[in-house]
């Protein structure tokens, strides 16, 4: 159960990181304290790295379960999840 909860929490991390980077980059929200181009790029790369590491651990966890139906379900959910994260990034 602990492994499942860790995987679940790692999937929820982009929903916190992406809005923080988005809001802190908006001059209308942050005025003079908005992120510059360098910090936007560095933050985006860092978020990409963290999400990639988390997806690796999710795949490793699902592979350890050794059941084909779970592989298919995880694949479908992964596509939906990555589509939603891409939607958040495009906002």
N, C-alpha and C. Protein backbone atom coordinates (compact mmCIF):
# COMPACT_ATOMS: atom_id res chain seq x y z
N UNK A 1 0.83 -1.19 0.00
CA UNK A 1 0.00 0.00 0.00
C UNK A 1 0.87 1.26 0.00
N UNK A 2 1.99 1.21 0.70
CA UNK A 2 2.89 2.36 0.75
C UNK A 2 3.45 2.68 -0.63
N UNK A 3 3.83 1.66 -1.38
CA UNK A 3 4.35 1.88 -2.73
C UNK A 3 3.29 2.50 -3.63
N UNK A 4 2.06 2.01 -3.52
CA UNK A 4 0.97 2.55 -4.33
C UNK A 4 0.73 4.03 -3.99
N UNK A 5 0.76 4.38 -2.72
CA UNK A 5 0.55 5.78 -2.34
C UNK A 5 1.70 6.67 -2.82
N UNK A 6 2.92 6.17 -2.78
CA UNK A 6 4.05 6.94 -3.30
C UNK A 6 3.92 7.18 -4.79
N UNK A 7 3.48 6.17 -5.52
CA UNK A 7 3.27 6.33 -6.96
C UNK A 7 2.16 7.33 -7.21
N UNK A 8 1.10 7.25 -6.46
CA UNK A 8 -0.02 8.18 -6.63
C UNK A 8 0.41 9.62 -6.34
N UNK A 9 1.18 9.82 -5.29
CA UNK A 9 1.65 11.17 -4.98
C UNK A 9 2.60 11.70 -6.05
N UNK A 10 3.42 10.83 -6.63
CA UNK A 10 4.32 11.30 -7.67
C UNK A 10 3.56 11.71 -8.92
N UNK A 11 2.41 11.09 -9.17
CA UNK A 11 1.59 11.49 -10.31
C UNK A 11 0.92 12.83 -10.09
N UNK A 12 0.72 13.21 -8.85
CA UNK A 12 0.04 14.48 -8.56
C UNK A 12 0.99 15.67 -8.53
N UNK A 13 2.29 15.41 -8.55
CA UNK A 13 3.27 16.48 -8.46
C UNK A 13 3.18 17.51 -9.58
N UNK A 14 2.99 17.13 -10.86
CA UNK A 14 2.89 18.16 -11.90
C UNK A 14 1.72 19.12 -11.70
N UNK A 15 0.66 18.67 -11.04
CA UNK A 15 -0.49 19.54 -10.82
C UNK A 15 -0.17 20.64 -9.83
N UNK A 16 0.93 20.53 -9.10
CA UNK A 16 1.39 21.60 -8.21
C UNK A 16 2.49 22.41 -8.88
N UNK A 17 3.41 21.75 -9.57
CA UNK A 17 4.56 22.45 -10.13
C UNK A 17 4.22 23.33 -11.33
N UNK A 18 3.40 22.82 -12.23
CA UNK A 18 3.09 23.57 -13.45
C UNK A 18 2.32 24.86 -13.15
N UNK A 19 1.28 24.85 -12.32
CA UNK A 19 0.62 26.13 -12.01
C UNK A 19 1.52 27.13 -11.27
N UNK A 20 2.41 26.64 -10.41
CA UNK A 20 3.33 27.55 -9.71
C UNK A 20 4.22 28.26 -10.71
N UNK A 21 4.79 27.51 -11.65
CA UNK A 21 5.64 28.13 -12.66
C UNK A 21 4.82 29.07 -13.54
N UNK A 22 3.61 28.68 -13.88
CA UNK A 22 2.77 29.53 -14.74
C UNK A 22 2.41 30.84 -14.05
N UNK A 23 1.94 30.76 -12.80
CA UNK A 23 1.52 31.97 -12.09
C UNK A 23 2.69 32.89 -11.76
N UNK A 24 3.84 32.32 -11.42
CA UNK A 24 4.98 33.17 -11.10
C UNK A 24 5.63 33.75 -12.35
N UNK A 25 5.23 33.30 -13.52
CA UNK A 25 5.75 33.85 -14.77
C UNK A 25 4.84 34.92 -15.36
N UNK A 26 3.68 35.10 -14.80
CA UNK A 26 2.73 36.08 -15.34
C UNK A 26 2.99 37.47 -14.73
N UNK A 27 3.35 38.43 -15.56
CA UNK A 27 3.58 39.78 -15.03
C UNK A 27 2.31 40.41 -14.46
N UNK A 28 1.14 40.03 -14.97
CA UNK A 28 -0.11 40.59 -14.45
C UNK A 28 -0.39 40.13 -13.03
N UNK A 29 0.17 39.00 -12.64
CA UNK A 29 -0.02 38.48 -11.28
C UNK A 29 1.12 38.91 -10.37
N UNK A 30 2.36 38.80 -10.85
CA UNK A 30 3.54 39.01 -10.01
C UNK A 30 4.16 40.40 -10.14
N UNK A 31 3.69 41.20 -11.09
CA UNK A 31 4.24 42.54 -11.36
C UNK A 31 5.75 42.48 -11.58
N UNK A 32 6.52 43.17 -10.74
CA UNK A 32 7.98 43.23 -10.92
C UNK A 32 8.68 41.93 -10.54
N UNK A 33 8.00 41.04 -9.86
CA UNK A 33 8.63 39.81 -9.38
C UNK A 33 8.40 38.61 -10.30
N UNK A 34 7.87 38.84 -11.48
CA UNK A 34 7.61 37.75 -12.42
C UNK A 34 8.93 37.12 -12.89
N UNK A 35 8.88 35.85 -13.19
CA UNK A 35 10.06 35.13 -13.68
C UNK A 35 10.49 35.68 -15.04
N UNK A 36 11.79 35.75 -15.24
CA UNK A 36 12.33 36.11 -16.54
C UNK A 36 12.39 34.88 -17.43
N UNK A 37 12.86 35.08 -18.66
CA UNK A 37 12.92 34.00 -19.63
C UNK A 37 13.83 32.87 -19.15
N UNK A 38 14.97 33.21 -18.56
CA UNK A 38 15.91 32.19 -18.08
C UNK A 38 15.26 31.31 -17.02
N UNK A 39 14.55 31.92 -16.09
CA UNK A 39 13.91 31.14 -15.01
C UNK A 39 12.74 30.31 -15.54
N UNK A 40 12.05 30.82 -16.55
CA UNK A 40 10.98 30.03 -17.17
C UNK A 40 11.54 28.77 -17.82
N UNK A 41 12.64 28.94 -18.56
CA UNK A 41 13.26 27.79 -19.23
C UNK A 41 13.82 26.82 -18.21
N UNK A 42 14.54 27.34 -17.21
CA UNK A 42 15.13 26.48 -16.18
C UNK A 42 14.03 25.75 -15.39
N UNK A 43 12.97 26.47 -15.04
CA UNK A 43 11.86 25.84 -14.32
C UNK A 43 11.16 24.79 -15.15
N UNK A 44 10.96 25.08 -16.43
CA UNK A 44 10.32 24.10 -17.32
C UNK A 44 11.16 22.85 -17.47
N UNK A 45 12.48 23.01 -17.61
CA UNK A 45 13.36 21.85 -17.72
C UNK A 45 13.39 21.04 -16.43
N UNK A 46 13.38 21.74 -15.30
CA UNK A 46 13.36 21.05 -14.01
C UNK A 46 12.06 20.27 -13.82
N UNK A 47 10.94 20.87 -14.19
CA UNK A 47 9.66 20.17 -14.10
C UNK A 47 9.65 18.96 -15.03
N UNK A 48 10.20 19.12 -16.23
CA UNK A 48 10.28 18.00 -17.17
C UNK A 48 11.13 16.87 -16.60
N UNK A 49 12.25 17.21 -15.98
CA UNK A 49 13.11 16.20 -15.38
C UNK A 49 12.40 15.48 -14.24
N UNK A 50 11.75 16.21 -13.36
CA UNK A 50 11.04 15.61 -12.22
C UNK A 50 9.91 14.71 -12.71
N UNK A 51 9.14 15.18 -13.70
CA UNK A 51 8.04 14.37 -14.22
C UNK A 51 8.55 13.12 -14.92
N UNK A 52 9.69 13.23 -15.61
CA UNK A 52 10.26 12.05 -16.27
C UNK A 52 10.71 11.01 -15.25
N UNK A 53 11.35 11.46 -14.19
CA UNK A 53 11.78 10.54 -13.14
C UNK A 53 10.56 9.87 -12.50
N UNK A 54 9.53 10.64 -12.25
CA UNK A 54 8.32 10.08 -11.65
C UNK A 54 7.65 9.08 -12.57
N UNK A 55 7.61 9.37 -13.87
CA UNK A 55 7.01 8.42 -14.80
C UNK A 55 7.83 7.14 -14.87
N UNK A 56 9.16 7.24 -14.76
CA UNK A 56 9.99 6.04 -14.73
C UNK A 56 9.61 5.16 -13.54
N UNK A 57 9.45 5.78 -12.37
CA UNK A 57 9.10 4.99 -11.19
C UNK A 57 7.69 4.40 -11.28
N UNK A 58 6.78 5.11 -11.92
CA UNK A 58 5.43 4.57 -12.12
C UNK A 58 5.50 3.34 -13.03
N UNK A 59 6.26 3.45 -14.12
CA UNK A 59 6.40 2.31 -15.04
C UNK A 59 7.07 1.14 -14.33
N UNK A 60 8.10 1.41 -13.54
CA UNK A 60 8.78 0.33 -12.81
C UNK A 60 7.84 -0.33 -11.81
N UNK A 61 6.98 0.46 -11.17
CA UNK A 61 6.03 -0.11 -10.21
C UNK A 61 5.01 -0.99 -10.92
N UNK A 62 4.47 -0.51 -12.04
CA UNK A 62 3.46 -1.28 -12.77
C UNK A 62 4.08 -2.56 -13.34
N UNK A 63 5.32 -2.47 -13.81
CA UNK A 63 5.99 -3.66 -14.35
C UNK A 63 6.21 -4.71 -13.26
N UNK A 64 6.38 -4.28 -12.03
CA UNK A 64 6.60 -5.23 -10.93
C UNK A 64 5.33 -5.99 -10.56
N UNK A 65 4.17 -5.51 -11.01
CA UNK A 65 2.91 -6.17 -10.67
C UNK A 65 2.67 -7.43 -11.51
N UNK A 66 3.34 -7.55 -12.66
CA UNK A 66 3.29 -8.75 -13.52
C UNK A 66 1.88 -9.21 -13.90
N UNK A 67 1.09 -8.30 -14.47
CA UNK A 67 -0.24 -8.67 -14.93
C UNK A 67 -0.54 -7.85 -16.19
N UNK A 68 -0.93 -8.52 -17.27
CA UNK A 68 -1.13 -7.87 -18.56
C UNK A 68 -2.25 -6.84 -18.51
N UNK A 69 -3.33 -7.12 -17.82
CA UNK A 69 -4.45 -6.18 -17.73
C UNK A 69 -4.00 -4.88 -17.05
N UNK A 70 -3.12 -4.99 -16.07
CA UNK A 70 -2.61 -3.78 -15.41
C UNK A 70 -1.71 -2.99 -16.34
N UNK A 71 -0.96 -3.67 -17.21
CA UNK A 71 -0.14 -2.97 -18.19
C UNK A 71 -1.00 -2.15 -19.15
N UNK A 72 -2.07 -2.77 -19.64
CA UNK A 72 -2.96 -2.09 -20.58
C UNK A 72 -3.65 -0.91 -19.89
N UNK A 73 -4.15 -1.13 -18.69
CA UNK A 73 -4.80 -0.06 -17.94
C UNK A 73 -3.85 1.08 -17.65
N UNK A 74 -2.63 0.75 -17.25
CA UNK A 74 -1.64 1.79 -16.97
C UNK A 74 -1.26 2.54 -18.24
N UNK A 75 -1.20 1.84 -19.37
CA UNK A 75 -0.89 2.50 -20.63
C UNK A 75 -1.96 3.50 -21.03
N UNK A 76 -3.21 3.10 -20.90
CA UNK A 76 -4.32 4.00 -21.23
C UNK A 76 -4.34 5.21 -20.30
N UNK A 77 -4.19 4.95 -19.02
CA UNK A 77 -4.17 6.05 -18.05
C UNK A 77 -2.97 6.96 -18.26
N UNK A 78 -1.84 6.40 -18.67
CA UNK A 78 -0.65 7.22 -18.92
C UNK A 78 -0.87 8.17 -20.09
N UNK A 79 -1.50 7.68 -21.14
CA UNK A 79 -1.79 8.54 -22.29
C UNK A 79 -2.73 9.67 -21.88
N UNK A 80 -3.77 9.34 -21.14
CA UNK A 80 -4.69 10.37 -20.66
C UNK A 80 -3.99 11.37 -19.74
N UNK A 81 -3.15 10.86 -18.85
CA UNK A 81 -2.43 11.70 -17.90
C UNK A 81 -1.48 12.65 -18.63
N UNK A 82 -0.70 12.12 -19.56
CA UNK A 82 0.25 12.96 -20.29
C UNK A 82 -0.48 13.96 -21.18
N UNK A 83 -1.63 13.61 -21.69
CA UNK A 83 -2.43 14.56 -22.47
C UNK A 83 -2.91 15.71 -21.60
N UNK A 84 -3.32 15.40 -20.38
CA UNK A 84 -3.78 16.46 -19.49
C UNK A 84 -2.63 17.35 -19.05
N UNK A 85 -1.47 16.77 -18.78
CA UNK A 85 -0.30 17.57 -18.42
C UNK A 85 0.10 18.47 -19.60
N UNK A 86 0.05 17.94 -20.81
CA UNK A 86 0.33 18.77 -22.00
C UNK A 86 -0.68 19.90 -22.12
N UNK A 87 -1.91 19.63 -21.79
CA UNK A 87 -2.94 20.67 -21.80
C UNK A 87 -2.63 21.75 -20.77
N UNK A 88 -2.19 21.35 -19.58
CA UNK A 88 -1.83 22.33 -18.56
C UNK A 88 -0.66 23.19 -19.00
N UNK A 89 0.30 22.59 -19.66
CA UNK A 89 1.48 23.33 -20.11
C UNK A 89 1.09 24.32 -21.20
N UNK A 90 0.14 23.97 -22.04
CA UNK A 90 -0.23 24.83 -23.17
C UNK A 90 -1.06 26.03 -22.75
N UNK A 91 -1.56 26.06 -21.53
CA UNK A 91 -2.38 27.20 -21.09
C UNK A 91 -1.61 28.46 -20.97
